Amino acid sequence: MAREAFPPGATLISVLFSTFPLEPSLAAMLHLAALDLYRRDQGAGPVAGDVVSGRVVNLKKSLALGSIAGPAFEAELDTARGSGKVRYLLTRQGLDLMGVSPPLARVGKKAYLN
């Protein structure tokens, strides 16, 4: 699929579920936290900003939603609007655009999409 076919920002992060509306700055923060966990092949890490704090968990599995696929993450957050949960994935297209390859610990392992 050509890059132009994706909506702006969809090449980086795809939100599967959120209990509250995501501001672009929060989506960018979640993207960076997930990218860091993915690169280091870590299980979880904190996320914090001016009006948000919480934890991002690397689910260490890939998910597919139609033609969008990539590593899955979950965040439990406390914001000015209350507490909530976000499930999302980093898209393979976005990882490729950023030059990020799978962590060495997972290269060669079989990946199942279900």
Protein backbone atom coordinates (compact mmCIF):
# COMPACT_ATOMS: atom_id res chain seq x y z
CA MET A 1 0.00 0.00 0.00
CA ALA A 2 1.38 3.41 -0.90
CA ARG A 3 2.29 5.82 1.89
CA GLU A 4 -0.14 8.41 0.48
CA ALA A 5 -3.06 6.07 1.19
CA PHE A 6 -2.63 6.39 4.96
CA PRO A 7 -4.21 9.29 6.85
CA PRO A 8 -1.68 11.77 8.33
CA GLY A 9 -0.10 10.25 11.44
CA ALA A 10 -1.49 6.78 10.74
CA THR A 11 1.94 5.61 9.65
CA LEU A 12 3.24 6.04 13.20
CA ILE A 13 0.55 4.93 15.64
CA SER A 14 -2.81 3.23 15.38
CA VAL A 15 -5.10 3.45 18.41
CA LEU A 16 -7.18 0.34 18.88
CA PHE A 17 -9.03 1.42 22.03
CA SER A 18 -9.08 4.46 24.29
CA THR A 19 -11.32 5.32 27.23
CA PHE A 20 -10.82 9.06 26.60
CA PRO A 21 -10.07 11.30 23.59
CA LEU A 22 -6.37 11.47 22.69
CA GLU A 23 -4.82 14.84 22.06
CA PRO A 24 -2.08 14.84 19.39
CA SER A 25 0.57 15.62 22.02
CA LEU A 26 -0.50 12.62 24.13
CA ALA A 27 -0.50 10.35 21.07
CA ALA A 28 3.04 11.55 20.28
CA MET A 29 4.11 10.89 23.89
CA LEU A 30 2.68 7.37 23.75
CA HIS A 31 4.41 6.79 20.42
CA LEU A 32 7.81 7.81 21.82
CA ALA A 33 7.36 5.69 24.96
CA ALA A 34 6.38 2.64 22.91
CA LEU A 35 9.21 3.20 20.45
CA ASP A 36 11.72 3.31 23.30
CA LEU A 37 10.34 0.09 24.82
CA TYR A 38 10.34 -1.61 21.43
CA ARG A 39 13.93 -0.60 20.63
CA ARG A 40 15.18 -1.81 24.03
CA ASP A 41 12.87 -4.88 24.03
CA GLN A 42 11.66 -3.90 27.52
CA GLY A 43 8.36 -4.96 29.09
CA ALA A 44 7.16 -1.68 30.64
CA GLY A 45 8.12 1.87 31.43
CA PRO A 46 6.78 5.10 32.87
CA VAL A 47 5.30 7.94 30.87
CA ALA A 48 4.86 11.43 32.25
CA GLY A 49 4.14 14.95 31.07
CA ASP A 50 2.63 18.20 32.27
CA VAL A 51 -0.89 16.78 32.72
CA VAL A 52 -0.38 13.03 32.34
CA SER A 53 1.38 10.24 34.17
CA GLY A 54 1.21 6.51 33.92
CA ARG A 55 2.79 3.41 32.54
CA VAL A 56 3.18 1.90 29.07
CA VAL A 57 3.39 -1.88 28.69
CA ASN A 58 4.96 -3.63 25.71
CA LEU A 59 2.62 -6.55 25.04
CA LYS A 60 5.45 -8.22 23.07
CA LYS A 61 3.17 -9.40 20.31
CA SER A 62 2.14 -8.10 16.92
CA LEU A 63 -1.43 -7.26 16.00
CA ALA A 64 -3.08 -6.67 12.65
CA LEU A 65 -6.12 -4.53 11.92
CA GLY A 66 -6.90 -4.81 8.23
CA SER A 67 -3.75 -3.72 6.41
CA ILE A 68 -2.24 -2.04 9.50
CA ALA A 69 0.04 -4.25 11.58
CA GLY A 70 2.77 -3.85 14.19
CA PRO A 71 3.88 -4.35 17.78
CA ALA A 72 1.15 -3.84 20.42
CA PHE A 73 1.22 -1.66 23.54
CA GLU A 74 -1.10 -0.73 26.38
CA ALA A 75 -1.01 2.40 28.53
CA GLU A 76 -2.70 3.08 31.86
CA LEU A 77 -2.81 6.83 32.37
CA ASP A 78 -3.90 9.46 34.86
CA THR A 79 -4.79 12.72 33.13
CA ALA A 80 -6.56 15.96 33.95
CA ARG A 81 -9.68 14.28 32.50
CA GLY A 82 -9.34 11.27 34.80
CA SER A 83 -7.83 7.81 34.59
CA GLY A 84 -7.98 5.69 31.49
CA LYS A 85 -6.52 3.01 29.30
CA VAL A 86 -5.22 3.10 25.73
CA ARG A 87 -4.40 0.09 23.56
CA TYR A 88 -2.43 0.84 20.41
CA LEU A 89 0.19 -0.39 18.02
CA LEU A 90 3.16 1.06 16.23
CA THR A 91 2.70 0.48 12.53
CA ARG A 92 5.29 -1.47 10.55
CA GLN A 93 5.24 1.34 7.95
CA GLY A 94 6.10 3.88 10.63
CA LEU A 95 8.89 1.72 12.05
CA ASP A 96 10.31 1.28 8.54
CA LEU A 97 10.12 5.04 7.85
CA MET A 98 12.05 5.68 11.08
CA GLY A 99 14.64 3.02 10.25
CA VAL A 100 13.78 0.89 13.30
CA SER A 101 14.33 -2.84 13.02
CA PRO A 102 13.00 -5.51 15.38
CA PRO A 103 14.97 -5.96 18.61
CA LEU A 104 17.79 -8.52 18.32
CA ALA A 105 16.19 -10.73 20.96
CA ARG A 106 13.24 -11.35 18.66
CA VAL A 107 14.92 -11.69 15.27
CA GLY A 108 14.37 -15.21 13.99
CA LYS A 109 11.45 -16.00 16.32
CA LYS A 110 8.14 -16.89 14.74
CA ALA A 111 5.52 -14.16 14.96
CA TYR A 112 1.87 -15.07 15.16
CA LEU A 113 -0.84 -12.53 14.48
CA ASN A 114 -3.52 -14.07 16.69
